[in-house]
C-alpha atoms as a PDB file:
ATOM      1  CA  MET A   1     244.224 199.487 128.594  1.00  0.00           C
ATOM      2  CA  GLN A   2     243.205 196.028 129.772  1.00  0.00           C
ATOM      3  CA  PHE A   3     244.458 194.407 132.967  1.00  0.00           C
ATOM      4  CA  ARG A   4     244.956 190.839 134.157  1.00  0.00           C
ATOM      5  CA  LYS A   5     245.845 189.327 137.520  1.00  0.00           C
ATOM      6  CA  LEU A   6     249.490 188.478 138.072  1.00  0.00           C
ATOM      7  CA  GLY A   7     249.302 184.805 139.036  1.00  0.00           C
ATOM      8  CA  ARG A   8     247.536 184.307 142.358  1.00  0.00           C
ATOM      9  CA  THR A   9     248.463 187.764 143.629  1.00  0.00           C
ATOM     10  CA  ASP A  10     246.199 190.769 144.110  1.00  0.00           C
ATOM     11  CA  LEU A  11     248.160 192.734 141.501  1.00  0.00           C
ATOM     12  CA  ASP A  12     246.441 193.843 138.303  1.00  0.00           C
ATOM     13  CA  VAL A  13     249.036 194.302 135.560  1.00  0.00           C
ATOM     14  CA  SER A  14     248.463 195.939 132.215  1.00  0.00           C
ATOM     15  CA  LEU A  15     248.085 193.516 129.323  1.00  0.00           C
ATOM     16  CA  ILE A  16     250.839 195.486 127.588  1.00  0.00           C
ATOM     17  CA  CYS A  17     254.106 195.526 129.545  1.00  0.00           C
ATOM     18  CA  LEU A  18     256.833 198.008 128.682  1.00  0.00           C
ATOM     19  CA  GLY A  19     260.045 196.185 127.846  1.00  0.00           C
ATOM     20  CA  THR A  20     263.107 198.338 128.455  1.00  0.00           C
ATOM     21  CA  MET A  21     266.138 196.326 127.360  1.00  0.00           C
ATOM     22  CA  THR A  22     267.173 198.914 124.740  1.00  0.00           C
ATOM     23  CA  TYR A  23     267.711 201.659 127.334  1.00  0.00           C
ATOM     24  CA  GLY A  24     271.401 202.373 127.670  1.00  0.00           C
ATOM     25  CA  GLU A  25     272.331 200.925 124.268  1.00  0.00           C
ATOM     26  CA  GLN A  26     269.936 201.761 121.434  1.00  0.00           C
ATOM     27  CA  ASN A  27     268.024 204.314 123.511  1.00  0.00           C
ATOM     28  CA  SER A  28     269.417 207.169 125.574  1.00  0.00           C
ATOM     29  CA  GLU A  29     268.137 208.057 129.032  1.00  0.00           C
ATOM     30  CA  ALA A  30     266.098 210.912 127.564  1.00  0.00           C
ATOM     31  CA  GLU A  31     264.476 208.543 125.069  1.00  0.00           C
ATOM     32  CA  GLY A  32     263.793 206.035 127.832  1.00  0.00           C
ATOM     33  CA  PHE A  33     262.096 208.774 129.872  1.00  0.00           C
ATOM     34  CA  GLU A  34     259.945 209.685 126.846  1.00  0.00           C
ATOM     35  CA  GLN A  35     258.921 206.052 126.378  1.00  0.00           C
ATOM     36  CA  MET A  36     258.041 205.540 130.040  1.00  0.00           C
ATOM     37  CA  ASP A  37     256.073 208.791 130.148  1.00  0.00           C
ATOM     38  CA  TYR A  38     254.053 207.794 127.100  1.00  0.00           C
ATOM     39  CA  ALA A  39     253.474 204.253 128.362  1.00  0.00           C
ATOM     40  CA  VAL A  40     252.052 205.551 131.641  1.00  0.00           C
ATOM     41  CA  GLU A  41     249.905 208.025 129.718  1.00  0.00           C
ATOM     42  CA  ARG A  42     248.441 205.072 127.776  1.00  0.00           C
ATOM     43  CA  GLY A  43     247.599 203.199 130.982  1.00  0.00           C
ATOM     44  CA  ILE A  44     250.581 200.843 131.240  1.00  0.00           C
ATOM     45  CA  ASN A  45     251.515 200.089 134.853  1.00  0.00           C
ATOM     46  CA  PHE A  46     253.978 197.231 134.266  1.00  0.00           C
ATOM     47  CA  PHE A  47     257.688 197.674 133.411  1.00  0.00           C
ATOM     48  CA  ASP A  48     260.130 194.811 132.801  1.00  0.00           C
ATOM     49  CA  THR A  49     263.914 195.032 133.156  1.00  0.00           C
ATOM     50  CA  ALA A  50     266.884 192.928 134.310  1.00  0.00           C
ATOM     51  CA  GLU A  51     270.348 193.257 135.809  1.00  0.00           C
ATOM     52  CA  LEU A  52     271.688 191.933 132.473  1.00  0.00           C
ATOM     53  CA  TYR A  53     270.220 194.809 130.420  1.00  0.00           C
ATOM     54  CA  SER A  54     270.853 196.587 128.174  1.00  0.00           C
ATOM     55  CA  ILE A  55     271.022 194.170 125.246  1.00  0.00           C
ATOM     56  CA  PRO A  56     273.336 192.822 123.931  1.00  0.00           C
ATOM     57  CA  PRO A  57     274.833 191.831 127.288  1.00  0.00           C
ATOM     58  CA  LYS A  58     278.299 193.187 127.980  1.00  0.00           C
ATOM     59  CA  ALA A  59     280.207 194.458 130.988  1.00  0.00           C
ATOM     60  CA  GLU A  60     280.089 198.096 129.879  1.00  0.00           C
ATOM     61  CA  THR A  61     276.278 198.320 129.874  1.00  0.00           C
ATOM     62  CA  THR A  62     275.260 195.871 132.598  1.00  0.00           C
ATOM     63  CA  GLY A  63     272.677 197.512 134.838  1.00  0.00           C
ATOM     64  CA  SER A  64     272.335 200.588 132.631  1.00  0.00           C
ATOM     65  CA  THR A  65     268.633 199.981 131.983  1.00  0.00           C
ATOM     66  CA  GLU A  66     267.879 199.671 135.696  1.00  0.00           C
ATOM     67  CA  ARG A  67     269.791 202.912 136.340  1.00  0.00           C
ATOM     68  CA  ILE A  68     267.713 204.764 133.748  1.00  0.00           C
ATOM     69  CA  ILE A  69     264.473 203.470 135.261  1.00  0.00           C
ATOM     70  CA  GLY A  70     265.722 204.430 138.729  1.00  0.00           C
ATOM     71  CA  ASN A  71     266.477 207.950 137.536  1.00  0.00           C
ATOM     72  CA  TRP A  72     262.987 208.140 136.036  1.00  0.00           C
ATOM     73  CA  PHE A  73     261.455 207.151 139.379  1.00  0.00           C
ATOM     74  CA  LYS A  74     263.529 209.819 141.107  1.00  0.00           C
ATOM     75  CA  ALA A  75     262.481 212.468 138.573  1.00  0.00           C
ATOM     76  CA  ARG A  76     258.823 211.517 138.222  1.00  0.00           C
ATOM     77  CA  GLY A  77     257.895 209.897 141.545  1.00  0.00           C
ATOM     78  CA  GLY A  78     254.961 207.500 141.600  1.00  0.00           C
ATOM     79  CA  ARG A  79     256.938 204.332 142.316  1.00  0.00           C
ATOM     80  CA  ASP A  80     253.829 202.848 143.956  1.00  0.00           C
ATOM     81  CA  LYS A  81     251.879 203.214 140.710  1.00  0.00           C
ATOM     82  CA  ILE A  82     254.257 200.985 138.708  1.00  0.00           C
ATOM     83  CA  ILE A  83     254.491 197.206 139.012  1.00  0.00           C
ATOM     84  CA  LEU A  84     258.194 196.705 138.493  1.00  0.00           C
ATOM     85  CA  ALA A  85     259.730 193.440 137.294  1.00  0.00           C
ATOM     86  CA  SER A  86     263.453 192.697 137.166  1.00  0.00           C
ATOM     87  CA  LYS A  87     265.632 189.592 136.885  1.00  0.00           C
ATOM     88  CA  VAL A  88     268.698 187.882 138.282  1.00  0.00           C
ATOM     89  CA  VAL A  89     270.887 186.028 135.779  1.00  0.00           C
ATOM     90  CA  GLY A  90     271.149 182.246 136.051  1.00  0.00           C
ATOM     91  CA  ARG A  91     274.206 180.088 135.448  1.00  0.00           C
ATOM     92  CA  SER A  92     276.511 181.379 132.724  1.00  0.00           C
ATOM     93  CA  ALA A  93     280.149 181.958 131.821  1.00  0.00           C
ATOM     94  CA  MET A  94     279.673 185.726 132.129  1.00  0.00           C
ATOM     95  CA  THR A  95     281.955 187.061 134.847  1.00  0.00           C
ATOM     96  CA  TRP A  96     281.134 190.767 135.030  1.00  0.00           C
ATOM     97  CA  PHE A  97     277.983 190.625 137.160  1.00  0.00           C
ATOM     98  CA  ARG A  98     279.618 189.825 140.501  1.00  0.00           C
ATOM     99  CA  ASP A  99     282.209 191.852 142.376  1.00  0.00           C
ATOM    100  CA  ASP A 100     284.582 188.898 142.735  1.00  0.00           C
ATOM    101  CA  GLY A 101     284.505 188.104 138.999  1.00  0.00           C
ATOM    102  CA  SER A 102     282.861 184.702 139.438  1.00  0.00           C
ATOM    103  CA  PRO A 103     280.797 183.202 136.622  1.00  0.00           C
ATOM    104  CA  SER A 104     277.113 183.775 137.370  1.00  0.00           C
ATOM    105  CA  GLU A 105     275.092 181.156 139.259  1.00  0.00           C
ATOM    106  CA  LEU A 106     272.093 181.034 141.562  1.00  0.00           C
ATOM    107  CA  SER A 107     273.943 180.760 144.859  1.00  0.00           C
ATOM    108  CA  ARG A 108     272.538 182.599 147.870  1.00  0.00           C
ATOM    109  CA  ALA A 109     275.488 184.995 147.934  1.00  0.00           C
ATOM    110  CA  GLN A 110     275.200 185.834 144.237  1.00  0.00           C
ATOM    111  CA  MET A 111     271.426 186.255 144.339  1.00  0.00           C
ATOM    112  CA  GLN A 112     271.682 188.539 147.366  1.00  0.00           C
ATOM    113  CA  GLU A 113     274.358 190.627 145.662  1.00  0.00           C
ATOM    114  CA  ALA A 114     272.294 190.837 142.487  1.00  0.00           C
ATOM    115  CA  LEU A 115     269.141 191.921 144.310  1.00  0.00           C
ATOM    116  CA  ASP A 116     270.883 194.555 146.399  1.00  0.00           C
ATOM    117  CA  LYS A 117     272.569 196.041 143.339  1.00  0.00           C
ATOM    118  CA  SER A 118     269.292 196.101 141.385  1.00  0.00           C
ATOM    119  CA  LEU A 119     267.492 197.859 144.240  1.00  0.00           C
ATOM    120  CA  LYS A 120     270.230 200.477 144.399  1.00  0.00           C
ATOM    121  CA  ARG A 121     270.195 201.107 140.648  1.00  0.00           C
ATOM    122  CA  LEU A 122     266.401 201.230 140.564  1.00  0.00           C
ATOM    123  CA  GLN A 123     266.338 203.612 143.571  1.00  0.00           C
ATOM    124  CA  THR A 124     263.624 201.614 145.278  1.00  0.00           C
ATOM    125  CA  ASP A 125     263.198 199.514 148.422  1.00  0.00           C
ATOM    126  CA  TYR A 126     261.414 196.634 146.700  1.00  0.00           C
ATOM    127  CA  ILE A 127     260.832 194.883 143.385  1.00  0.00           C
ATOM    128  CA  ASP A 128     257.303 193.698 142.696  1.00  0.00           C
ATOM    129  CA  LEU A 129     258.278 190.688 140.563  1.00  0.00           C
ATOM    130  CA  TYR A 130     261.793 189.241 140.766  1.00  0.00           C
ATOM    131  CA  GLN A 131     262.465 186.704 138.025  1.00  0.00           C
ATOM    132  CA  ILE A 132     265.071 184.008 137.439  1.00  0.00           C
ATOM    133  CA  HIS A 133     266.317 185.167 134.028  1.00  0.00           C
ATOM    134  CA  PHE A 134     267.376 181.656 133.010  1.00  0.00           C
ATOM    135  CA  PRO A 135     267.907 178.445 134.977  1.00  0.00           C
ATOM    136  CA  ASP A 136     270.910 177.359 137.013  1.00  0.00           C
ATOM    137  CA  ARG A 137     270.859 173.984 135.272  1.00  0.00           C
ATOM    138  CA  SER A 138     271.563 173.232 131.636  1.00  0.00           C
ATOM    139  CA  MET A 139     268.357 172.850 129.672  1.00  0.00           C
ATOM    140  CA  PRO A 140     267.114 173.234 126.081  1.00  0.00           C
ATOM    141  CA  TRP A 141     265.838 176.789 125.905  1.00  0.00           C
ATOM    142  CA  GLY A 142     265.928 179.583 123.402  1.00  0.00           C
ATOM    143  CA  SER A 143     267.176 178.895 119.932  1.00  0.00           C
ATOM    144  CA  ASN A 144     268.812 175.521 120.635  1.00  0.00           C
ATOM    145  CA  PRO A 145     266.048 173.079 121.623  1.00  0.00           C
ATOM    146  CA  THR A 146     268.140 170.077 120.535  1.00  0.00           C
ATOM    147  CA  GLN A 147     270.205 170.391 123.714  1.00  0.00           C
ATOM    148  CA  PHE A 148     268.128 167.515 125.094  1.00  0.00           C
ATOM    149  CA  GLN A 149     270.640 165.219 123.403  1.00  0.00           C
ATOM    150  CA  SER A 150     273.526 166.522 125.497  1.00  0.00           C
ATOM    151  CA  LEU A 151     271.957 167.205 128.906  1.00  0.00           C
ATOM    152  CA  ASP A 152     274.320 166.384 131.765  1.00  0.00           C
ATOM    153  CA  LEU A 153     271.986 164.835 134.312  1.00  0.00           C
ATOM    154  CA  ASP A 154     274.828 164.556 136.825  1.00  0.00           C
ATOM    155  CA  GLU A 155     275.964 168.192 136.657  1.00  0.00           C
ATOM    156  CA  THR A 156     276.431 170.140 139.873  1.00  0.00           C
ATOM    157  CA  THR A 157     273.836 172.905 140.175  1.00  0.00           C
ATOM    158  CA  HIS A 158     271.943 174.746 142.866  1.00  0.00           C
ATOM    159  CA  PRO A 159     268.746 172.753 143.465  1.00  0.00           C
ATOM    160  CA  ILE A 160     265.416 174.387 142.695  1.00  0.00           C
ATOM    161  CA  GLY A 161     264.352 173.849 146.302  1.00  0.00           C
ATOM    162  CA  GLU A 162     267.312 175.945 147.453  1.00  0.00           C
ATOM    163  CA  THR A 163     266.391 178.733 145.046  1.00  0.00           C
ATOM    164  CA  VAL A 164     262.805 178.693 146.327  1.00  0.00           C
ATOM    165  CA  GLU A 165     264.083 179.124 149.894  1.00  0.00           C
ATOM    166  CA  ILE A 166     266.290 182.059 148.906  1.00  0.00           C
ATOM    167  CA  LEU A 167     263.416 183.786 147.124  1.00  0.00           C
ATOM    168  CA  ALA A 168     261.123 183.126 150.094  1.00  0.00           C
ATOM    169  CA  ASP A 169     263.658 184.872 152.329  1.00  0.00           C
ATOM    170  CA  PHE A 170     263.712 187.854 149.969  1.00  0.00           C
ATOM    171  CA  VAL A 171     259.914 188.047 150.271  1.00  0.00           C
ATOM    172  CA  LYS A 172     260.098 187.858 154.083  1.00  0.00           C
ATOM    173  CA  ALA A 173     262.687 190.634 154.079  1.00  0.00           C
ATOM    174  CA  GLY A 174     260.310 192.844 152.063  1.00  0.00           C
ATOM    175  CA  LYS A 175     262.817 193.263 149.248  1.00  0.00           C
ATOM    176  CA  ILE A 176     260.580 191.529 146.688  1.00  0.00           C
ATOM    177  CA  ARG A 177     256.835 191.010 146.685  1.00  0.00           C
ATOM    178  CA  HIS A 178     256.644 188.014 144.351  1.00  0.00           C
ATOM    179  CA  TYR A 179     258.881 185.978 142.083  1.00  0.00           C
ATOM    180  CA  GLY A 180     258.656 184.521 138.608  1.00  0.00           C
ATOM    181  CA  LEU A 181     260.534 182.345 136.145  1.00  0.00           C
ATOM    182  CA  SER A 182     261.944 183.019 132.692  1.00  0.00           C
ATOM    183  CA  ASN A 183     263.206 180.853 129.827  1.00  0.00           C
ATOM    184  CA  GLU A 184     261.873 177.912 131.787  1.00  0.00           C
ATOM    185  CA  SER A 185     260.485 174.517 130.790  1.00  0.00           C
ATOM    186  CA  ALA A 186     257.359 172.656 131.867  1.00  0.00           C
ATOM    187  CA  TRP A 187     259.467 170.393 134.094  1.00  0.00           C
ATOM    188  CA  GLY A 188     261.208 173.351 135.685  1.00  0.00           C
ATOM    189  CA  THR A 189     257.989 175.266 136.273  1.00  0.00           C
ATOM    190  CA  MET A 190     256.268 172.329 137.938  1.00  0.00           C
ATOM    191  CA  SER A 191     259.404 171.654 140.001  1.00  0.00           C
ATOM    192  CA  PHE A 192     259.306 175.210 141.374  1.00  0.00           C
ATOM    193  CA  ILE A 193     255.616 174.842 142.189  1.00  0.00           C
ATOM    194  CA  SER A 194     256.176 171.461 143.859  1.00  0.00           C
ATOM    195  CA  GLU A 195     259.122 172.688 145.940  1.00  0.00           C
ATOM    196  CA  ALA A 196     257.200 175.775 147.017  1.00  0.00           C
ATOM    197  CA  GLU A 197     254.229 173.708 148.128  1.00  0.00           C
ATOM    198  CA  LYS A 198     256.433 171.218 150.020  1.00  0.00           C
ATOM    199  CA  LYS A 199     258.178 174.028 151.866  1.00  0.00           C
ATOM    200  CA  GLY A 200     255.110 176.178 152.463  1.00  0.00           C
ATOM    201  CA  ALA A 201     256.915 178.898 150.529  1.00  0.00           C
ATOM    202  CA  PRO A 202     255.685 181.432 147.954  1.00  0.00           C
ATOM    203  CA  ARG A 203     254.952 180.018 144.506  1.00  0.00           C
ATOM    204  CA  PRO A 204     256.132 181.430 141.183  1.00  0.00           C
ATOM    205  CA  GLN A 205     253.541 183.808 139.797  1.00  0.00           C
ATOM    206  CA  SER A 206     254.628 184.073 136.165  1.00  0.00           C
ATOM    207  CA  ILE A 207     256.878 182.690 133.471  1.00  0.00           C
ATOM    208  CA  GLN A 208     258.566 184.932 130.914  1.00  0.00           C
ATOM    209  CA  ASN A 209     259.227 182.968 127.726  1.00  0.00           C
ATOM    210  CA  ALA A 210     259.424 183.789 124.043  1.00  0.00           C
ATOM    211  CA  TYR A 211     256.057 183.601 122.290  1.00  0.00           C
ATOM    212  CA  SER A 212     255.063 184.834 118.846  1.00  0.00           C
ATOM    213  CA  LEU A 213     253.446 183.762 115.595  1.00  0.00           C
ATOM    214  CA  VAL A 214     256.683 182.000 114.633  1.00  0.00           C
ATOM    215  CA  ASN A 215     257.286 180.450 118.056  1.00  0.00           C
ATOM    216  CA  ARG A 216     254.180 178.976 119.661  1.00  0.00           C
ATOM    217  CA  THR A 217     256.048 176.209 121.495  1.00  0.00           C
ATOM    218  CA  PHE A 218     254.658 177.539 124.796  1.00  0.00           C
ATOM    219  CA  GLU A 219     251.297 176.068 123.776  1.00  0.00           C
ATOM    220  CA  THR A 220     252.599 172.479 123.806  1.00  0.00           C
ATOM    221  CA  ALA A 221     252.858 171.978 127.569  1.00  0.00           C
ATOM    222  CA  LEU A 222     253.353 175.263 129.364  1.00  0.00           C
ATOM    223  CA  ALA A 223     250.027 176.850 128.382  1.00  0.00           C
ATOM    224  CA  GLU A 224     248.087 174.267 130.393  1.00  0.00           C
ATOM    225  CA  ILE A 225     250.363 174.825 133.383  1.00  0.00           C
ATOM    226  CA  ALA A 226     249.907 178.582 133.042  1.00  0.00           C
ATOM    227  CA  LEU A 227     246.126 178.224 133.142  1.00  0.00           C
ATOM    228  CA  ARG A 228     245.729 175.472 135.737  1.00  0.00           C
ATOM    229  CA  GLU A 229     248.457 176.661 138.101  1.00  0.00           C
ATOM    230  CA  HIS A 230     247.946 180.405 137.559  1.00  0.00           C
ATOM    231  CA  VAL A 231     251.518 180.969 136.398  1.00  0.00           C
ATOM    232  CA  GLY A 232     250.698 183.158 133.432  1.00  0.00           C
ATOM    233  CA  LEU A 233     252.938 183.918 130.489  1.00  0.00           C
ATOM    234  CA  LEU A 234     254.783 187.200 130.198  1.00  0.00           C
ATOM    235  CA  ALA A 235     255.435 186.930 126.481  1.00  0.00           C
ATOM    236  CA  TYR A 236     258.736 188.288 125.231  1.00  0.00           C
ATOM    237  CA  SER A 237     259.791 188.798 121.593  1.00  0.00           C
ATOM    238  CA  PRO A 238     256.132 188.904 120.452  1.00  0.00           C
ATOM    239  CA  LEU A 239     257.359 190.513 117.219  1.00  0.00           C
ATOM    240  CA  ALA A 240     260.200 188.003 116.860  1.00  0.00           C
ATOM    241  CA  GLN A 241     262.790 190.754 117.399  1.00  0.00           C
ATOM    242  CA  GLY A 242     261.049 192.845 114.768  1.00  0.00           C
ATOM    243  CA  TYR A 243     261.075 190.189 112.050  1.00  0.00           C
ATOM    244  CA  LEU A 244     257.258 189.999 112.093  1.00  0.00           C
ATOM    245  CA  THR A 245     257.042 193.632 111.011  1.00  0.00           C
ATOM    246  CA  GLY A 246     258.509 192.567 107.669  1.00  0.00           C
ATOM    247  CA  LYS A 247     261.452 194.960 107.862  1.00  0.00           C
ATOM    248  CA  TYR A 248     264.049 192.188 107.423  1.00  0.00           C
ATOM    249  CA  LEU A 249     262.355 190.367 104.532  1.00  0.00           C
ATOM    250  CA  ARG A 250     264.558 189.428 101.582  1.00  0.00           C
ATOM    251  CA  GLY A 251     267.696 190.172 103.539  1.00  0.00           C
ATOM    252  CA  ALA A 252     266.929 193.834 104.207  1.00  0.00           C
ATOM    253  CA  ARG A 253     268.914 195.447 107.020  1.00  0.00           C
ATOM    254  CA  PRO A 254     267.446 198.865 107.882  1.00  0.00           C
ATOM    255  CA  ALA A 255     269.807 201.376 109.448  1.00  0.00           C
ATOM    256  CA  GLY A 256     269.653 201.335 113.246  1.00  0.00           C
ATOM    257  CA  ALA A 257     267.651 198.094 113.482  1.00  0.00           C
ATOM    258  CA  ARG A 258     268.756 195.515 116.038  1.00  0.00           C
ATOM    259  CA  SER A 259     269.810 192.801 113.596  1.00  0.00           C
ATOM    260  CA  THR A 260     271.647 195.406 111.537  1.00  0.00           C
ATOM    261  CA  LEU A 261     273.586 196.616 114.560  1.00  0.00           C
ATOM    262  CA  PHE A 262     274.225 193.404 116.445  1.00  0.00           C
ATOM    263  CA  ASN A 263     273.641 190.462 114.070  1.00  0.00           C
ATOM    264  CA  ARG A 264     271.722 188.581 116.783  1.00  0.00           C
ATOM    265  CA  GLY A 265     268.676 187.491 114.791  1.00  0.00           C
ATOM    266  CA  GLN A 266     269.739 183.942 113.910  1.00  0.00           C
ATOM    267  CA  ARG A 267     266.796 182.532 115.868  1.00  0.00           C
ATOM    268  CA  TYR A 268     264.492 184.083 113.263  1.00  0.00           C
ATOM    269  CA  GLU A 269     266.566 183.235 110.201  1.00  0.00           C
ATOM    270  CA  LYS A 270     266.273 179.451 110.307  1.00  0.00           C
ATOM    271  CA  PRO A 271     265.063 177.465 107.289  1.00  0.00           C
ATOM    272  CA  GLY A 272     261.379 178.161 106.712  1.00  0.00           C
ATOM    273  CA  ALA A 273     261.215 181.227 108.964  1.00  0.00           C
ATOM    274  CA  GLU A 274     261.184 183.850 106.231  1.00  0.00           C
ATOM    275  CA  GLU A 275     258.538 181.965 104.262  1.00  0.00           C
ATOM    276  CA  ALA A 276     256.273 181.842 107.322  1.00  0.00           C
ATOM    277  CA  ILE A 277     256.894 185.503 108.166  1.00  0.00           C
ATOM    278  CA  ALA A 278     256.086 186.554 104.588  1.00  0.00           C
ATOM    279  CA  LYS A 279     252.761 184.705 104.770  1.00  0.00           C
ATOM    280  CA  TYR A 280     251.830 186.415 108.053  1.00  0.00           C
ATOM    281  CA  ILE A 281     252.712 189.807 106.554  1.00  0.00           C
ATOM    282  CA  GLU A 282     250.571 189.045 103.513  1.00  0.00           C
ATOM    283  CA  LEU A 283     247.646 187.956 105.701  1.00  0.00           C
ATOM    284  CA  ALA A 284     247.805 191.146 107.756  1.00  0.00           C
ATOM    285  CA  ARG A 285     247.910 193.414 104.749  1.00  0.00           C
ATOM    286  CA  SER A 286     245.083 191.583 102.996  1.00  0.00           C
ATOM    287  CA  ALA A 287     242.971 192.161 106.108  1.00  0.00           C
ATOM    288  CA  GLY A 288     243.892 195.844 106.271  1.00  0.00           C
ATOM    289  CA  LEU A 289     245.932 195.371 109.428  1.00  0.00           C
ATOM    290  CA  ASP A 290     249.362 196.605 110.401  1.00  0.00           C
ATOM    291  CA  PRO A 291     251.528 193.437 110.513  1.00  0.00           C
ATOM    292  CA  ALA A 292     253.009 194.360 113.889  1.00  0.00           C
ATOM    293  CA  GLN A 293     249.619 195.037 115.392  1.00  0.00           C
ATOM    294  CA  MET A 294     248.214 191.760 114.045  1.00  0.00           C
ATOM    295  CA  ALA A 295     251.079 189.810 115.583  1.00  0.00           C
ATOM    296  CA  LEU A 296     250.730 191.590 118.920  1.00  0.00           C
ATOM    297  CA  ALA A 297     246.926 191.356 118.959  1.00  0.00           C
ATOM    298  CA  PHE A 298     247.237 187.586 118.534  1.00  0.00           C
ATOM    299  CA  VAL A 299     249.447 187.393 121.635  1.00  0.00           C
ATOM    300  CA  ASN A 300     247.137 189.746 123.553  1.00  0.00           C
ATOM    301  CA  SER A 301     244.178 187.468 122.857  1.00  0.00           C
ATOM    302  CA  ARG A 302     245.671 184.283 124.362  1.00  0.00           C
ATOM    303  CA  SER A 303     244.002 183.249 127.630  1.00  0.00           C
ATOM    304  CA  PHE A 304     247.273 182.003 129.122  1.00  0.00           C
ATOM    305  CA  VAL A 305     249.024 185.350 128.575  1.00  0.00           C
ATOM    306  CA  THR A 306     249.193 187.648 131.593  1.00  0.00           C
ATOM    307  CA  SER A 307     251.068 190.419 129.800  1.00  0.00           C
ATOM    308  CA  ASN A 308     252.656 191.047 126.414  1.00  0.00           C
ATOM    309  CA  ILE A 309     256.124 192.602 126.692  1.00  0.00           C
ATOM    310  CA  ILE A 310     256.634 195.110 123.897  1.00  0.00           C
ATOM    311  CA  GLY A 311     259.771 197.087 123.177  1.00  0.00           C
ATOM    312  CA  ALA A 312     260.702 199.819 120.747  1.00  0.00           C
ATOM    313  CA  THR A 313     263.557 202.065 119.772  1.00  0.00           C
ATOM    314  CA  THR A 314     261.412 204.847 118.287  1.00  0.00           C
ATOM    315  CA  MET A 315     258.269 206.540 119.539  1.00  0.00           C
ATOM    316  CA  GLU A 316     256.512 205.631 116.296  1.00  0.00           C
ATOM    317  CA  GLN A 317     257.186 201.943 116.965  1.00  0.00           C
ATOM    318  CA  LEU A 318     256.088 202.303 120.581  1.00  0.00           C
ATOM    319  CA  LYS A 319     252.798 203.935 119.643  1.00  0.00           C
ATOM    320  CA  THR A 320     252.071 201.246 117.052  1.00  0.00           C
ATOM    321  CA  ASN A 321     252.858 198.453 119.495  1.00  0.00           C
ATOM    322  CA  ILE A 322     250.812 199.854 122.373  1.00  0.00           C
ATOM    323  CA  GLY A 323     248.004 200.548 119.902  1.00  0.00           C
ATOM    324  CA  SER A 324     247.621 196.795 119.416  1.00  0.00           C
ATOM    325  CA  ILE A 325     245.523 196.812 122.580  1.00  0.00           C
ATOM    326  CA  ASP A 326     242.717 198.327 120.496  1.00  0.00           C
ATOM    327  CA  VAL A 327     242.886 195.641 117.784  1.00  0.00           C
ATOM    328  CA  THR A 328     240.538 192.649 117.843  1.00  0.00           C
ATOM    329  CA  LEU A 329     241.287 189.996 115.262  1.00  0.00           C
ATOM    330  CA  PRO A 330     238.323 188.866 113.158  1.00  0.00           C
ATOM    331  CA  LYS A 331     237.673 185.132 113.129  1.00  0.00           C
ATOM    332  CA  GLU A 332     238.796 184.832 109.534  1.00  0.00           C
ATOM    333  CA  VAL A 333     242.159 186.385 110.412  1.00  0.00           C
ATOM    334  CA  GLU A 334     242.685 184.039 113.338  1.00  0.00           C
ATOM    335  CA  ASP A 335     241.686 181.139 111.096  1.00  0.00           C
ATOM    336  CA  GLY A 336     244.255 182.356 108.585  1.00  0.00           C
ATOM    337  CA  ILE A 337     246.922 182.541 111.277  1.00  0.00           C
ATOM    338  CA  ASN A 338     246.211 178.987 112.359  1.00  0.00           C
ATOM    339  CA  ALA A 339     246.261 177.760 108.768  1.00  0.00           C
ATOM    340  CA  ILE A 340     249.737 179.243 108.274  1.00  0.00           C
ATOM    341  CA  HIS A 341     250.841 177.767 111.595  1.00  0.00           C
ATOM    342  CA  GLN A 342     249.620 174.332 110.505  1.00  0.00           C
ATOM    343  CA  LEU A 343     251.887 174.429 107.475  1.00  0.00           C
ATOM    344  CA  HIS A 344     254.791 176.439 108.921  1.00  0.00           C
ATOM    345  CA  GLY A 345     254.620 175.698 112.645  1.00  0.00           C
ATOM    346  CA  ASN A 346     257.280 177.123 114.961  1.00  0.00           C
ATOM    347  CA  PRO A 347     260.098 177.825 112.508  1.00  0.00           C
ATOM    348  CA  ALA A 348     261.864 179.970 115.131  1.00  0.00           C
ATOM    349  CA  PRO A 349     261.728 178.197 118.514  1.00  0.00           C
END
């Protein structure tokens, strides 16, 4: 396993991070235990979860992933050997996270409630990296980047400076060690950094955004911020929800696969996406590489990436994905990737 510094902290996190959002939905507790055991055996020391998980988000399974991880800590011990990341939801219409049934937002009361509940489910006194899952303000993230056209610049939200102060208080209380961002923009990231510096408060140490062969939008502005400000990328969906394995090509829907079960893959079914994916699959196979491992090895090799968040529903998938750490892409393969990107850039932002 390889390790990289988490932001400006003294923490060394594994370049492969174990994503756990399937635990409690597609994976049972026993399967989650098996995955975590194997990940640790392979040298992974970084787990990522969220109060929202498992996926897809719904009231019945909220917090189930954290509970499974907490039970694993209780059964296995060794909490101090794992760098644990979780998340608080941002502003949304979802009403099942808070005891009073309020829609979620980043108020002090809601963030405190969220953190305390996560700590209880995880059976721990602290979270190493506490992330804002998505912003309190409206912004163009995920699969709808055209939201710029309808931004409400006069909307009422909790200011970023207020959120920084709340997170700083969590650090002072010893309930979190560091904090990070997720689904954030360049403007938002620099605003957090600026507010932290003005207040003499802790800075964000990471940003968890989507990044893959079919979504390299992080490179446009955020990559420079990640490198210059030491707010490295925790890349999620590096396999584009499994589309980069080729299993959904030509409309295929394998039994038990996420898009088969939940029909949530529209981000990777936009015009031009399948053509790009097919070319990446062809490139991998012509080079004698597993398509999944080629896609993951590309993410692993980026200098602005702190850790690559992989997930799996089967042990075979998990072993393949973690095995990408041993794959180094030849120059001709990287040149081929960039040539495809030039012609089919970011079809699934």
